[in-house]
Amino acid sequence: MSSGAADFEALLREALTPVDPPADLKKRLELTLVNLTELAQEELEAWELKSMRNPRNWVRPAAAAVIGASAGTALVVLRVRSRHRARKQQSGSLLELAERTVQDIAEEARRILPDR
């Protein structure tokens, strides 16, 4: 029975070996989030107020708003998180790090939101 347990342990060790993500994963994820955000913005710009009288027409704009907000938020988090280590080294205290992070979040949100 001990050989069966050893085999099971070896299989388990092999299955749980850490796997590095692809090198271009961050770029692909960021590109996908940018595309989703842009598509949602285009969809929201295309709908007409007069067609909103019928509740059946609310689904597409509502879905576009949810998808756009989710993808935009994820994009901001991804970009801010990627610069966290540099901000941490530049900051002298926890309060300064928090201030820099909030400023970075605001800058990224301004970049993503359309100019209106």
N, C-alpha and C. Protein backbone atom coordinates (compact mmCIF):
# COMPACT_ATOMS: atom_id res chain seq x y z
N MET A 1 0.80 -1.19 0.00
CA MET A 1 0.00 0.00 0.00
C MET A 1 0.84 1.26 0.00
N SER A 2 2.02 1.19 0.56
CA SER A 2 2.86 2.39 0.63
C SER A 2 3.31 2.83 -0.76
N SER A 3 3.49 1.88 -1.70
CA SER A 3 3.87 2.29 -3.05
C SER A 3 2.73 3.03 -3.74
N GLY A 4 1.49 2.65 -3.45
CA GLY A 4 0.33 3.36 -4.01
C GLY A 4 0.26 4.77 -3.47
N ALA A 5 0.55 4.95 -2.18
CA ALA A 5 0.53 6.28 -1.57
C ALA A 5 1.66 7.13 -2.15
N ALA A 6 2.83 6.50 -2.37
CA ALA A 6 3.96 7.24 -2.94
C ALA A 6 3.66 7.66 -4.37
N ASP A 7 3.01 6.76 -5.13
CA ASP A 7 2.62 7.10 -6.50
C ASP A 7 1.62 8.24 -6.50
N PHE A 8 0.68 8.17 -5.57
CA PHE A 8 -0.33 9.22 -5.48
C PHE A 8 0.33 10.55 -5.12
N GLU A 9 1.28 10.52 -4.19
CA GLU A 9 1.98 11.75 -3.80
C GLU A 9 2.78 12.31 -4.97
N ALA A 10 3.43 11.45 -5.73
CA ALA A 10 4.21 11.90 -6.88
C ALA A 10 3.29 12.52 -7.94
N LEU A 11 2.16 11.88 -8.18
CA LEU A 11 1.20 12.44 -9.14
C LEU A 11 0.65 13.78 -8.65
N LEU A 12 0.37 13.86 -7.38
CA LEU A 12 -0.14 15.11 -6.81
C LEU A 12 0.91 16.21 -6.90
N ARG A 13 2.16 15.90 -6.58
CA ARG A 13 3.24 16.88 -6.69
C ARG A 13 3.39 17.38 -8.13
N GLU A 14 3.30 16.44 -9.08
CA GLU A 14 3.43 16.80 -10.49
C GLU A 14 2.26 17.69 -10.94
N ALA A 15 1.06 17.37 -10.47
CA ALA A 15 -0.12 18.14 -10.87
C ALA A 15 -0.13 19.54 -10.27
N LEU A 16 0.46 19.69 -9.09
CA LEU A 16 0.43 20.98 -8.40
C LEU A 16 1.70 21.80 -8.59
N THR A 17 2.51 21.44 -9.57
CA THR A 17 3.71 22.20 -9.87
C THR A 17 3.31 23.57 -10.41
N PRO A 18 3.89 24.65 -9.86
CA PRO A 18 3.53 25.99 -10.33
C PRO A 18 3.84 26.17 -11.82
N VAL A 19 2.96 26.88 -12.48
CA VAL A 19 3.11 27.16 -13.91
C VAL A 19 3.18 28.67 -14.08
N ASP A 20 4.19 29.13 -14.78
CA ASP A 20 4.32 30.55 -15.04
C ASP A 20 3.35 30.96 -16.14
N PRO A 21 2.72 32.13 -15.98
CA PRO A 21 1.82 32.60 -17.03
C PRO A 21 2.60 33.00 -18.27
N PRO A 22 1.96 33.03 -19.42
CA PRO A 22 2.66 33.47 -20.63
C PRO A 22 3.19 34.89 -20.47
N ALA A 23 4.27 35.20 -21.14
CA ALA A 23 4.92 36.50 -21.00
C ALA A 23 4.03 37.65 -21.46
N ASP A 24 3.21 37.39 -22.46
CA ASP A 24 2.38 38.46 -23.00
C ASP A 24 0.97 38.50 -22.41
N LEU A 25 0.75 37.80 -21.30
CA LEU A 25 -0.58 37.74 -20.70
C LEU A 25 -1.10 39.12 -20.30
N LYS A 26 -0.25 39.92 -19.68
CA LYS A 26 -0.67 41.25 -19.23
C LYS A 26 -1.08 42.11 -20.42
N LYS A 27 -0.30 42.07 -21.49
CA LYS A 27 -0.62 42.87 -22.68
C LYS A 27 -1.93 42.41 -23.31
N ARG A 28 -2.13 41.11 -23.40
CA ARG A 28 -3.37 40.58 -23.98
C ARG A 28 -4.58 40.94 -23.13
N LEU A 29 -4.43 40.83 -21.81
CA LEU A 29 -5.52 41.17 -20.91
C LEU A 29 -5.86 42.66 -21.00
N GLU A 30 -4.83 43.50 -21.02
CA GLU A 30 -5.04 44.94 -21.13
C GLU A 30 -5.72 45.29 -22.46
N LEU A 31 -5.28 44.68 -23.54
CA LEU A 31 -5.89 44.93 -24.86
C LEU A 31 -7.36 44.50 -24.87
N THR A 32 -7.66 43.36 -24.27
CA THR A 32 -9.04 42.89 -24.21
C THR A 32 -9.91 43.85 -23.39
N LEU A 33 -9.39 44.32 -22.26
CA LEU A 33 -10.15 45.25 -21.43
C LEU A 33 -10.36 46.59 -22.14
N VAL A 34 -9.35 47.07 -22.85
CA VAL A 34 -9.49 48.31 -23.62
C VAL A 34 -10.56 48.14 -24.70
N ASN A 35 -10.53 47.02 -25.40
CA ASN A 35 -11.53 46.77 -26.45
C ASN A 35 -12.94 46.70 -25.88
N LEU A 36 -13.11 46.00 -24.76
CA LEU A 36 -14.43 45.92 -24.13
C LEU A 36 -14.93 47.29 -23.71
N THR A 37 -14.05 48.09 -23.13
CA THR A 37 -14.43 49.43 -22.69
C THR A 37 -14.85 50.29 -23.88
N GLU A 38 -14.08 50.25 -24.95
CA GLU A 38 -14.41 51.04 -26.14
C GLU A 38 -15.72 50.58 -26.78
N LEU A 39 -15.92 49.27 -26.86
CA LEU A 39 -17.17 48.76 -27.44
C LEU A 39 -18.38 49.18 -26.61
N ALA A 40 -18.23 49.13 -25.30
CA ALA A 40 -19.34 49.54 -24.43
C ALA A 40 -19.62 51.03 -24.58
N GLN A 41 -18.58 51.84 -24.71
CA GLN A 41 -18.78 53.28 -24.91
C GLN A 41 -19.48 53.55 -26.23
N GLU A 42 -19.08 52.84 -27.27
CA GLU A 42 -19.73 53.01 -28.57
C GLU A 42 -21.20 52.61 -28.52
N GLU A 43 -21.50 51.53 -27.82
CA GLU A 43 -22.88 51.07 -27.70
C GLU A 43 -23.72 52.10 -26.95
N LEU A 44 -23.17 52.66 -25.88
CA LEU A 44 -23.92 53.67 -25.12
C LEU A 44 -24.12 54.95 -25.92
N GLU A 45 -23.15 55.31 -26.74
CA GLU A 45 -23.28 56.51 -27.56
C GLU A 45 -24.32 56.32 -28.67
N ALA A 46 -24.55 55.07 -29.08
CA ALA A 46 -25.43 54.79 -30.21
C ALA A 46 -26.91 54.74 -29.83
N TRP A 47 -27.25 54.49 -28.59
CA TRP A 47 -28.67 54.35 -28.26
C TRP A 47 -29.36 55.71 -28.19
N GLU A 48 -30.64 55.67 -28.48
CA GLU A 48 -31.44 56.89 -28.54
C GLU A 48 -32.40 56.93 -27.36
N LEU A 49 -32.60 58.12 -26.82
CA LEU A 49 -33.48 58.29 -25.67
C LEU A 49 -34.93 57.92 -25.99
N LYS A 50 -35.40 58.26 -27.18
CA LYS A 50 -36.81 58.00 -27.49
C LYS A 50 -37.12 56.51 -27.55
N SER A 51 -36.12 55.67 -27.84
CA SER A 51 -36.36 54.23 -27.86
C SER A 51 -36.39 53.64 -26.46
N MET A 52 -36.04 54.41 -25.46
CA MET A 52 -35.99 53.91 -24.08
C MET A 52 -37.37 53.86 -23.43
N ARG A 53 -38.39 54.31 -24.11
CA ARG A 53 -39.75 54.24 -23.55
C ARG A 53 -40.19 52.80 -23.39
N ASN A 54 -39.70 51.94 -24.25
CA ASN A 54 -40.04 50.53 -24.20
C ASN A 54 -39.01 49.80 -23.34
N PRO A 55 -39.44 49.17 -22.23
CA PRO A 55 -38.47 48.49 -21.34
C PRO A 55 -37.67 47.39 -22.01
N ARG A 56 -38.15 46.84 -23.11
CA ARG A 56 -37.39 45.80 -23.81
C ARG A 56 -36.10 46.35 -24.41
N ASN A 57 -36.06 47.65 -24.61
CA ASN A 57 -34.87 48.28 -25.18
C ASN A 57 -33.83 48.65 -24.13
N TRP A 58 -34.09 48.36 -22.89
CA TRP A 58 -33.17 48.75 -21.81
C TRP A 58 -32.02 47.76 -21.64
N VAL A 59 -32.15 46.57 -22.18
CA VAL A 59 -31.16 45.52 -21.93
C VAL A 59 -29.79 45.87 -22.50
N ARG A 60 -29.73 46.27 -23.74
CA ARG A 60 -28.42 46.55 -24.37
C ARG A 60 -27.68 47.69 -23.69
N PRO A 61 -28.33 48.84 -23.45
CA PRO A 61 -27.60 49.92 -22.75
C PRO A 61 -27.20 49.53 -21.33
N ALA A 62 -28.06 48.79 -20.65
CA ALA A 62 -27.72 48.37 -19.29
C ALA A 62 -26.52 47.41 -19.30
N ALA A 63 -26.53 46.47 -20.23
CA ALA A 63 -25.41 45.53 -20.36
C ALA A 63 -24.13 46.28 -20.74
N ALA A 64 -24.25 47.23 -21.65
CA ALA A 64 -23.08 48.02 -22.06
C ALA A 64 -22.53 48.82 -20.89
N ALA A 65 -23.41 49.37 -20.07
CA ALA A 65 -22.95 50.14 -18.91
C ALA A 65 -22.23 49.25 -17.90
N VAL A 66 -22.79 48.07 -17.64
CA VAL A 66 -22.16 47.14 -16.69
C VAL A 66 -20.83 46.64 -17.23
N ILE A 67 -20.80 46.24 -18.47
CA ILE A 67 -19.55 45.72 -19.08
C ILE A 67 -18.50 46.82 -19.15
N GLY A 68 -18.91 48.01 -19.57
CA GLY A 68 -17.96 49.12 -19.66
C GLY A 68 -17.39 49.50 -18.30
N ALA A 69 -18.25 49.57 -17.30
CA ALA A 69 -17.78 49.92 -15.96
C ALA A 69 -16.86 48.84 -15.40
N SER A 70 -17.23 47.59 -15.61
CA SER A 70 -16.40 46.48 -15.10
C SER A 70 -15.05 46.42 -15.79
N ALA A 71 -15.06 46.51 -17.11
CA ALA A 71 -13.80 46.45 -17.87
C ALA A 71 -12.93 47.67 -17.57
N GLY A 72 -13.55 48.84 -17.46
CA GLY A 72 -12.80 50.05 -17.13
C GLY A 72 -12.16 49.97 -15.75
N THR A 73 -12.93 49.48 -14.79
CA THR A 73 -12.40 49.33 -13.43
C THR A 73 -11.25 48.33 -13.40
N ALA A 74 -11.44 47.21 -14.08
CA ALA A 74 -10.37 46.20 -14.13
C ALA A 74 -9.12 46.74 -14.81
N LEU A 75 -9.31 47.55 -15.84
CA LEU A 75 -8.17 48.15 -16.53
C LEU A 75 -7.41 49.12 -15.63
N VAL A 76 -8.14 49.93 -14.89
CA VAL A 76 -7.51 50.85 -13.94
C VAL A 76 -6.73 50.06 -12.89
N VAL A 77 -7.35 49.03 -12.34
CA VAL A 77 -6.69 48.22 -11.31
C VAL A 77 -5.44 47.55 -11.87
N LEU A 78 -5.52 47.01 -13.07
CA LEU A 78 -4.38 46.34 -13.69
C LEU A 78 -3.22 47.31 -13.88
N ARG A 79 -3.50 48.48 -14.40
CA ARG A 79 -2.43 49.46 -14.65
C ARG A 79 -1.86 50.02 -13.36
N VAL A 80 -2.72 50.31 -12.39
CA VAL A 80 -2.24 50.85 -11.11
C VAL A 80 -1.42 49.80 -10.37
N ARG A 81 -1.89 48.57 -10.41
CA ARG A 81 -1.17 47.47 -9.72
C ARG A 81 0.21 47.24 -10.34
N SER A 82 0.33 47.41 -11.64
CA SER A 82 1.62 47.17 -12.29
C SER A 82 2.67 48.20 -11.87
N ARG A 83 2.24 49.37 -11.44
CA ARG A 83 3.19 50.40 -11.00
C ARG A 83 3.32 50.48 -9.47
N HIS A 84 2.72 49.55 -8.77
CA HIS A 84 2.72 49.59 -7.30
C HIS A 84 4.12 49.50 -6.70
N ARG A 85 4.94 48.64 -7.23
CA ARG A 85 6.28 48.44 -6.66
C ARG A 85 7.11 49.73 -6.76
N ALA A 86 7.02 50.42 -7.90
CA ALA A 86 7.77 51.67 -8.07
C ALA A 86 7.26 52.74 -7.10
N ARG A 87 5.94 52.83 -6.95
CA ARG A 87 5.38 53.80 -6.00
C ARG A 87 5.79 53.48 -4.58
N LYS A 88 5.86 52.21 -4.26
CA LYS A 88 6.23 51.78 -2.90
C LYS A 88 7.67 52.19 -2.58
N GLN A 89 8.55 52.07 -3.56
CA GLN A 89 9.94 52.45 -3.35
C GLN A 89 10.11 53.96 -3.26
N GLN A 90 9.29 54.72 -3.97
CA GLN A 90 9.39 56.17 -3.95
C GLN A 90 8.77 56.78 -2.70
N SER A 91 7.87 56.06 -2.06
CA SER A 91 7.15 56.60 -0.91
C SER A 91 7.94 56.40 0.37
N GLY A 92 7.91 57.43 1.20
CA GLY A 92 8.60 57.35 2.48
C GLY A 92 7.74 56.78 3.60
N SER A 93 6.43 56.89 3.45
CA SER A 93 5.53 56.40 4.49
C SER A 93 4.30 55.76 3.86
N LEU A 94 3.52 55.13 4.70
CA LEU A 94 2.30 54.48 4.23
C LEU A 94 1.30 55.51 3.72
N LEU A 95 1.22 56.66 4.38
CA LEU A 95 0.32 57.72 3.95
C LEU A 95 0.71 58.26 2.58
N GLU A 96 1.99 58.45 2.37
CA GLU A 96 2.47 58.94 1.07
C GLU A 96 2.18 57.91 -0.03
N LEU A 97 2.34 56.63 0.29
CA LEU A 97 2.03 55.57 -0.67
C LEU A 97 0.55 55.60 -1.03
N ALA A 98 -0.30 55.77 -0.04
CA ALA A 98 -1.75 55.84 -0.29
C ALA A 98 -2.08 57.04 -1.17
N GLU A 99 -1.47 58.19 -0.89
CA GLU A 99 -1.72 59.39 -1.70
C GLU A 99 -1.28 59.18 -3.14
N ARG A 100 -0.10 58.59 -3.34
CA ARG A 100 0.39 58.33 -4.69
C ARG A 100 -0.52 57.34 -5.43
N THR A 101 -1.01 56.35 -4.71
CA THR A 101 -1.89 55.36 -5.32
C THR A 101 -3.21 55.99 -5.74
N VAL A 102 -3.78 56.83 -4.89
CA VAL A 102 -5.03 57.51 -5.23
C VAL A 102 -4.82 58.43 -6.43
N GLN A 103 -3.70 59.14 -6.47
CA GLN A 103 -3.41 60.00 -7.62
C GLN A 103 -3.28 59.18 -8.90
N ASP A 104 -2.63 58.03 -8.80
CA ASP A 104 -2.45 57.16 -9.95
C ASP A 104 -3.80 56.62 -10.44
N ILE A 105 -4.68 56.27 -9.50
CA ILE A 105 -6.02 55.79 -9.87
C ILE A 105 -6.79 56.89 -10.60
N ALA A 106 -6.71 58.11 -10.08
CA ALA A 106 -7.42 59.22 -10.72
C ALA A 106 -6.88 59.49 -12.13
N GLU A 107 -5.57 59.44 -12.30
CA GLU A 107 -4.97 59.66 -13.62
C GLU A 107 -5.41 58.58 -14.61
N GLU A 108 -5.39 57.33 -14.19
CA GLU A 108 -5.80 56.24 -15.08
C GLU A 108 -7.28 56.33 -15.42
N ALA A 109 -8.10 56.69 -14.46
CA ALA A 109 -9.54 56.83 -14.73
C ALA A 109 -9.78 57.94 -15.76
N ARG A 110 -9.02 59.03 -15.65
CA ARG A 110 -9.15 60.12 -16.63
C ARG A 110 -8.74 59.67 -18.03
N ARG A 111 -7.74 58.82 -18.10
CA ARG A 111 -7.29 58.32 -19.41
C ARG A 111 -8.33 57.43 -20.06
N ILE A 112 -9.01 56.65 -19.24
CA ILE A 112 -9.97 55.68 -19.77
C ILE A 112 -11.30 56.33 -20.12
N LEU A 113 -11.76 57.25 -19.29
CA LEU A 113 -13.05 57.90 -19.55
C LEU A 113 -12.96 58.74 -20.80
N PRO A 114 -14.00 58.73 -21.59
CA PRO A 114 -13.98 59.52 -22.82
C PRO A 114 -14.01 61.01 -22.49
N ASP A 115 -13.42 61.81 -23.37
CA ASP A 115 -13.44 63.26 -23.19
C ASP A 115 -14.83 63.78 -23.46
N ARG A 116 -15.42 64.39 -22.48
CA ARG A 116 -16.78 64.93 -22.62
C ARG A 116 -16.82 66.31 -22.05
